[in-house]
Amino acid sequence: MNENLIVQDDWVPAACTLPTVEQPLRRADFDDLFAQDVLRVHQTSPQQIRFELRAAPDVAARAASLAVKETDCCSFFTFDLTITDGKVAMIVSTAPSHEPVLAAMAARAHAQVGANQ
């Protein structure tokens, strides 16, 4: 069974293979990252978002771990983690067919950024 429980903001697309029961947990993982570790969100194009993260080793590790988990179930995402000049960023990209999913992620991030800081 892979019906999506989280349909109110297009967060989980039908192409996601994460079991339905695990989807709210993954969403919570992203909410935590957005609220605790994302400093800024830049939607650089309809197909790409850049998240500026707190520059800390545990934050980079957490973002990388979440990216690996997410690409396992949502292979239409590409994650690039960059660490340079004392800054950490995660860029999330997708194909045009999944732009609405990326837009929903950006909206969710904007709503959560700084919530727990």
N, C-alpha and C. Protein backbone atom coordinates (compact mmCIF):
# COMPACT_ATOMS: atom_id res chain seq x y z
N MET A 1 0.85 -1.18 0.00
CA MET A 1 0.00 0.00 0.00
C MET A 1 0.89 1.23 0.00
N ASN A 2 0.61 2.16 -0.92
CA ASN A 2 1.43 3.35 -1.01
C ASN A 2 0.56 4.58 -1.27
N GLU A 3 -0.58 4.64 -0.61
CA GLU A 3 -1.42 5.83 -0.73
C GLU A 3 -0.76 6.94 0.07
N ASN A 4 -0.83 8.15 -0.44
CA ASN A 4 -0.19 9.26 0.22
C ASN A 4 -1.09 9.86 1.29
N LEU A 5 -0.56 9.94 2.51
CA LEU A 5 -1.29 10.54 3.61
C LEU A 5 -1.18 12.06 3.60
N ILE A 6 -0.13 12.56 3.00
CA ILE A 6 0.18 13.98 3.08
C ILE A 6 -0.13 14.63 1.74
N VAL A 7 -1.38 14.89 1.48
CA VAL A 7 -1.76 15.42 0.18
C VAL A 7 -2.08 16.91 0.21
N GLN A 8 -2.20 17.50 1.37
CA GLN A 8 -2.63 18.88 1.45
C GLN A 8 -1.64 19.87 0.84
N ASP A 9 -0.36 19.51 0.71
CA ASP A 9 0.58 20.45 0.13
C ASP A 9 1.47 19.80 -0.93
N ASP A 10 1.01 18.71 -1.51
CA ASP A 10 1.75 18.03 -2.57
C ASP A 10 3.14 17.62 -2.14
N TRP A 11 3.34 17.44 -0.85
CA TRP A 11 4.67 17.09 -0.32
C TRP A 11 5.13 15.73 -0.80
N VAL A 12 4.22 14.78 -0.87
CA VAL A 12 4.59 13.41 -1.26
C VAL A 12 3.93 13.09 -2.60
N PRO A 13 4.72 12.99 -3.65
CA PRO A 13 4.15 12.68 -4.96
C PRO A 13 3.84 11.20 -5.11
N ALA A 14 3.03 10.85 -6.06
CA ALA A 14 2.67 9.46 -6.30
C ALA A 14 3.90 8.63 -6.65
N ALA A 15 4.95 9.25 -7.21
CA ALA A 15 6.16 8.52 -7.60
C ALA A 15 7.01 8.11 -6.40
N CYS A 16 6.69 8.58 -5.21
CA CYS A 16 7.45 8.24 -4.01
C CYS A 16 7.20 6.77 -3.65
N THR A 17 8.27 6.05 -3.39
CA THR A 17 8.14 4.64 -3.03
C THR A 17 8.28 4.40 -1.52
N LEU A 18 8.41 5.46 -0.74
CA LEU A 18 8.48 5.31 0.71
C LEU A 18 7.14 4.80 1.21
N PRO A 19 7.15 3.75 2.04
CA PRO A 19 5.87 3.24 2.56
C PRO A 19 5.06 4.35 3.24
N THR A 20 3.79 4.32 3.05
CA THR A 20 2.89 5.35 3.54
C THR A 20 3.10 5.64 5.02
N VAL A 21 3.27 4.62 5.82
CA VAL A 21 3.42 4.79 7.26
C VAL A 21 4.70 5.57 7.60
N GLU A 22 5.70 5.53 6.75
CA GLU A 22 6.97 6.22 7.01
C GLU A 22 6.99 7.65 6.48
N GLN A 23 6.04 8.03 5.65
CA GLN A 23 6.05 9.36 5.04
C GLN A 23 5.96 10.49 6.07
N PRO A 24 5.10 10.41 7.08
CA PRO A 24 5.09 11.49 8.08
C PRO A 24 6.41 11.61 8.85
N LEU A 25 7.09 10.50 9.04
CA LEU A 25 8.38 10.53 9.74
C LEU A 25 9.43 11.25 8.89
N ARG A 26 9.44 10.98 7.59
CA ARG A 26 10.39 11.65 6.70
C ARG A 26 10.09 13.14 6.64
N ARG A 27 8.81 13.45 6.59
CA ARG A 27 8.42 14.87 6.57
C ARG A 27 8.91 15.55 7.84
N ALA A 28 8.80 14.89 8.97
CA ALA A 28 9.29 15.44 10.23
C ALA A 28 10.80 15.63 10.21
N ASP A 29 11.52 14.70 9.57
CA ASP A 29 12.98 14.85 9.44
C ASP A 29 13.31 16.11 8.65
N PHE A 30 12.60 16.35 7.55
CA PHE A 30 12.83 17.56 6.78
C PHE A 30 12.43 18.80 7.57
N ASP A 31 11.30 18.75 8.28
CA ASP A 31 10.88 19.88 9.10
C ASP A 31 11.95 20.23 10.12
N ASP A 32 12.54 19.22 10.75
CA ASP A 32 13.61 19.45 11.72
C ASP A 32 14.81 20.13 11.07
N LEU A 33 15.21 19.62 9.92
CA LEU A 33 16.34 20.22 9.21
C LEU A 33 16.02 21.67 8.87
N PHE A 34 14.84 21.92 8.32
CA PHE A 34 14.45 23.28 7.96
C PHE A 34 14.44 24.20 9.18
N ALA A 35 13.85 23.75 10.27
CA ALA A 35 13.68 24.59 11.45
C ALA A 35 14.98 24.82 12.22
N GLN A 36 15.82 23.81 12.28
CA GLN A 36 17.02 23.91 13.11
C GLN A 36 18.28 24.31 12.36
N ASP A 37 18.39 23.92 11.10
CA ASP A 37 19.67 24.04 10.43
C ASP A 37 19.69 24.87 9.16
N VAL A 38 18.55 25.16 8.59
CA VAL A 38 18.52 25.96 7.35
C VAL A 38 18.47 27.44 7.74
N LEU A 39 19.41 28.19 7.18
CA LEU A 39 19.46 29.62 7.45
C LEU A 39 18.69 30.42 6.41
N ARG A 40 18.78 29.99 5.14
CA ARG A 40 18.10 30.66 4.05
C ARG A 40 17.69 29.66 2.99
N VAL A 41 16.60 29.99 2.29
CA VAL A 41 16.09 29.17 1.19
C VAL A 41 16.05 30.05 -0.05
N HIS A 42 16.69 29.57 -1.12
CA HIS A 42 16.67 30.29 -2.39
C HIS A 42 16.15 29.33 -3.46
N GLN A 43 15.00 29.63 -4.03
CA GLN A 43 14.56 28.82 -5.17
C GLN A 43 15.17 29.47 -6.39
N THR A 44 16.26 28.90 -6.87
CA THR A 44 17.04 29.49 -7.95
C THR A 44 16.38 29.32 -9.32
N SER A 45 15.49 28.35 -9.42
CA SER A 45 14.70 28.12 -10.63
C SER A 45 13.54 27.20 -10.23
N PRO A 46 12.56 26.99 -11.11
CA PRO A 46 11.47 26.07 -10.77
C PRO A 46 11.96 24.64 -10.54
N GLN A 47 13.17 24.35 -10.98
CA GLN A 47 13.72 23.00 -10.85
C GLN A 47 14.83 22.89 -9.81
N GLN A 48 15.10 23.97 -9.06
CA GLN A 48 16.23 23.92 -8.13
C GLN A 48 16.01 24.83 -6.92
N ILE A 49 16.34 24.29 -5.76
CA ILE A 49 16.32 25.04 -4.50
C ILE A 49 17.71 24.93 -3.87
N ARG A 50 18.17 26.04 -3.31
CA ARG A 50 19.43 26.05 -2.56
C ARG A 50 19.12 26.36 -1.10
N PHE A 51 19.50 25.44 -0.23
CA PHE A 51 19.34 25.65 1.21
C PHE A 51 20.70 25.99 1.79
N GLU A 52 20.81 27.16 2.41
CA GLU A 52 22.04 27.51 3.14
C GLU A 52 21.88 26.95 4.55
N LEU A 53 22.85 26.14 4.94
CA LEU A 53 22.78 25.44 6.22
C LEU A 53 23.77 26.03 7.22
N ARG A 54 23.50 25.80 8.49
CA ARG A 54 24.48 26.16 9.52
C ARG A 54 25.77 25.40 9.22
N ALA A 55 26.88 26.07 9.37
CA ALA A 55 28.18 25.46 9.06
C ALA A 55 28.70 24.69 10.27
N ALA A 56 28.23 23.47 10.39
CA ALA A 56 28.66 22.59 11.47
C ALA A 56 28.74 21.17 10.93
N PRO A 57 29.74 20.40 11.36
CA PRO A 57 29.89 19.04 10.83
C PRO A 57 28.65 18.17 11.02
N ASP A 58 27.99 18.27 12.17
CA ASP A 58 26.81 17.43 12.40
C ASP A 58 25.66 17.82 11.47
N VAL A 59 25.57 19.10 11.11
CA VAL A 59 24.52 19.55 10.20
C VAL A 59 24.78 18.99 8.80
N ALA A 60 26.02 19.08 8.35
CA ALA A 60 26.36 18.53 7.03
C ALA A 60 26.10 17.04 6.98
N ALA A 61 26.44 16.34 8.05
CA ALA A 61 26.22 14.90 8.11
C ALA A 61 24.73 14.57 8.10
N ARG A 62 23.95 15.34 8.85
CA ARG A 62 22.51 15.10 8.89
C ARG A 62 21.86 15.37 7.54
N ALA A 63 22.27 16.45 6.88
CA ALA A 63 21.73 16.77 5.55
C ALA A 63 22.10 15.68 4.55
N ALA A 64 23.34 15.20 4.61
CA ALA A 64 23.78 14.14 3.70
C ALA A 64 22.99 12.86 3.94
N SER A 65 22.79 12.51 5.19
CA SER A 65 22.04 11.30 5.53
C SER A 65 20.60 11.40 5.02
N LEU A 66 19.98 12.54 5.21
CA LEU A 66 18.61 12.74 4.75
C LEU A 66 18.54 12.68 3.22
N ALA A 67 19.52 13.25 2.55
CA ALA A 67 19.56 13.22 1.09
C ALA A 67 19.67 11.78 0.57
N VAL A 68 20.51 10.98 1.21
CA VAL A 68 20.66 9.59 0.79
C VAL A 68 19.35 8.84 0.98
N LYS A 69 18.70 9.03 2.12
CA LYS A 69 17.41 8.37 2.38
C LYS A 69 16.36 8.79 1.36
N GLU A 70 16.33 10.09 1.06
CA GLU A 70 15.29 10.60 0.17
C GLU A 70 15.49 10.12 -1.27
N THR A 71 16.72 10.04 -1.73
CA THR A 71 16.94 9.57 -3.10
C THR A 71 16.64 8.09 -3.24
N ASP A 72 16.62 7.38 -2.12
CA ASP A 72 16.27 5.96 -2.16
C ASP A 72 14.80 5.76 -2.53
N CYS A 73 13.94 6.68 -2.11
CA CYS A 73 12.50 6.53 -2.39
C CYS A 73 12.00 7.51 -3.45
N CYS A 74 12.71 8.60 -3.61
CA CYS A 74 12.29 9.63 -4.58
C CYS A 74 13.48 9.93 -5.50
N SER A 75 13.73 9.01 -6.40
CA SER A 75 14.91 9.10 -7.25
C SER A 75 14.85 10.27 -8.24
N PHE A 76 13.73 10.96 -8.31
CA PHE A 76 13.61 12.11 -9.20
C PHE A 76 14.28 13.35 -8.62
N PHE A 77 14.72 13.30 -7.35
CA PHE A 77 15.47 14.38 -6.73
C PHE A 77 16.96 14.15 -6.92
N THR A 78 17.70 15.23 -7.08
CA THR A 78 19.16 15.21 -7.04
C THR A 78 19.58 16.14 -5.91
N PHE A 79 20.46 15.66 -5.05
CA PHE A 79 20.96 16.46 -3.94
C PHE A 79 22.45 16.68 -4.12
N ASP A 80 22.88 17.93 -3.98
CA ASP A 80 24.30 18.27 -3.99
C ASP A 80 24.61 19.01 -2.71
N LEU A 81 25.55 18.48 -1.95
CA LEU A 81 25.98 19.12 -0.71
C LEU A 81 27.34 19.75 -0.97
N THR A 82 27.44 21.05 -0.72
CA THR A 82 28.71 21.74 -0.93
C THR A 82 29.18 22.36 0.37
N ILE A 83 30.48 22.26 0.58
CA ILE A 83 31.10 22.85 1.75
C ILE A 83 32.31 23.63 1.24
N THR A 84 32.23 24.94 1.35
CA THR A 84 33.31 25.78 0.86
C THR A 84 33.31 27.11 1.59
N ASP A 85 34.49 27.65 1.81
CA ASP A 85 34.65 28.95 2.47
C ASP A 85 33.88 29.04 3.79
N GLY A 86 33.84 27.95 4.53
CA GLY A 86 33.16 27.95 5.82
C GLY A 86 31.65 27.96 5.73
N LYS A 87 31.12 27.67 4.55
CA LYS A 87 29.66 27.65 4.36
C LYS A 87 29.23 26.27 3.88
N VAL A 88 28.02 25.90 4.25
CA VAL A 88 27.44 24.61 3.84
C VAL A 88 26.13 24.90 3.12
N ALA A 89 25.96 24.24 1.98
CA ALA A 89 24.71 24.41 1.22
C ALA A 89 24.28 23.06 0.67
N MET A 90 22.98 22.88 0.58
CA MET A 90 22.42 21.69 -0.06
C MET A 90 21.52 22.19 -1.19
N ILE A 91 21.82 21.73 -2.39
CA ILE A 91 21.03 22.09 -3.56
C ILE A 91 20.19 20.88 -3.95
N VAL A 92 18.89 21.10 -4.08
CA VAL A 92 17.95 20.05 -4.46
C VAL A 92 17.42 20.40 -5.84
N SER A 93 17.54 19.45 -6.77
CA SER A 93 17.08 19.66 -8.14
C SER A 93 16.14 18.54 -8.55
N THR A 94 15.34 18.84 -9.57
CA THR A 94 14.42 17.83 -10.12
C THR A 94 14.12 18.17 -11.58
N ALA A 95 13.47 17.25 -12.24
CA ALA A 95 13.06 17.43 -13.63
C ALA A 95 11.80 18.30 -13.68
N PRO A 96 11.51 18.88 -14.84
CA PRO A 96 10.31 19.72 -14.97
C PRO A 96 9.02 19.01 -14.53
N SER A 97 8.93 17.73 -14.73
CA SER A 97 7.71 17.01 -14.37
C SER A 97 7.47 16.97 -12.86
N HIS A 98 8.49 17.25 -12.05
CA HIS A 98 8.33 17.25 -10.59
C HIS A 98 8.50 18.63 -9.96
N GLU A 99 8.39 19.67 -10.78
CA GLU A 99 8.49 21.03 -10.26
C GLU A 99 7.47 21.32 -9.15
N PRO A 100 6.23 20.84 -9.24
CA PRO A 100 5.28 21.11 -8.15
C PRO A 100 5.72 20.50 -6.81
N VAL A 101 6.39 19.37 -6.85
CA VAL A 101 6.88 18.75 -5.62
C VAL A 101 7.98 19.61 -5.02
N LEU A 102 8.87 20.11 -5.87
CA LEU A 102 9.95 20.97 -5.40
C LEU A 102 9.38 22.29 -4.85
N ALA A 103 8.38 22.81 -5.50
CA ALA A 103 7.73 24.03 -5.00
C ALA A 103 7.11 23.80 -3.63
N ALA A 104 6.50 22.64 -3.42
CA ALA A 104 5.92 22.31 -2.12
C ALA A 104 7.01 22.19 -1.07
N MET A 105 8.17 21.62 -1.44
CA MET A 105 9.30 21.53 -0.51
C MET A 105 9.78 22.93 -0.14
N ALA A 106 9.89 23.81 -1.12
CA ALA A 106 10.33 25.19 -0.86
C ALA A 106 9.36 25.91 0.07
N ALA A 107 8.07 25.75 -0.17
CA ALA A 107 7.06 26.39 0.68
C ALA A 107 7.15 25.87 2.11
N ARG A 108 7.33 24.56 2.24
CA ARG A 108 7.46 23.95 3.56
C ARG A 108 8.69 24.49 4.27
N ALA A 109 9.79 24.59 3.54
CA ALA A 109 11.03 25.10 4.12
C ALA A 109 10.87 26.55 4.58
N HIS A 110 10.28 27.38 3.73
CA HIS A 110 10.07 28.79 4.10
C HIS A 110 9.25 28.90 5.38
N ALA A 111 8.25 28.05 5.53
CA ALA A 111 7.39 28.08 6.71
C ALA A 111 8.11 27.61 7.97
N GLN A 112 9.12 26.77 7.82
CA GLN A 112 9.81 26.18 8.97
C GLN A 112 11.11 26.87 9.35
N VAL A 113 11.77 27.54 8.41
CA VAL A 113 13.10 28.10 8.67
C VAL A 113 13.08 28.98 9.92
N GLY A 114 13.97 28.65 10.83
CA GLY A 114 14.12 29.42 12.04
C GLY A 114 13.08 29.16 13.12
N ALA A 115 12.19 28.22 12.90
CA ALA A 115 11.12 27.96 13.87
C ALA A 115 11.67 27.54 15.24
N ASN A 116 12.79 26.84 15.27
CA ASN A 116 13.34 26.34 16.54
C ASN A 116 14.66 27.01 16.92
N GLN A 117 14.97 28.12 16.29
CA GLN A 117 16.25 28.79 16.59
C GLN A 117 16.06 29.84 17.66
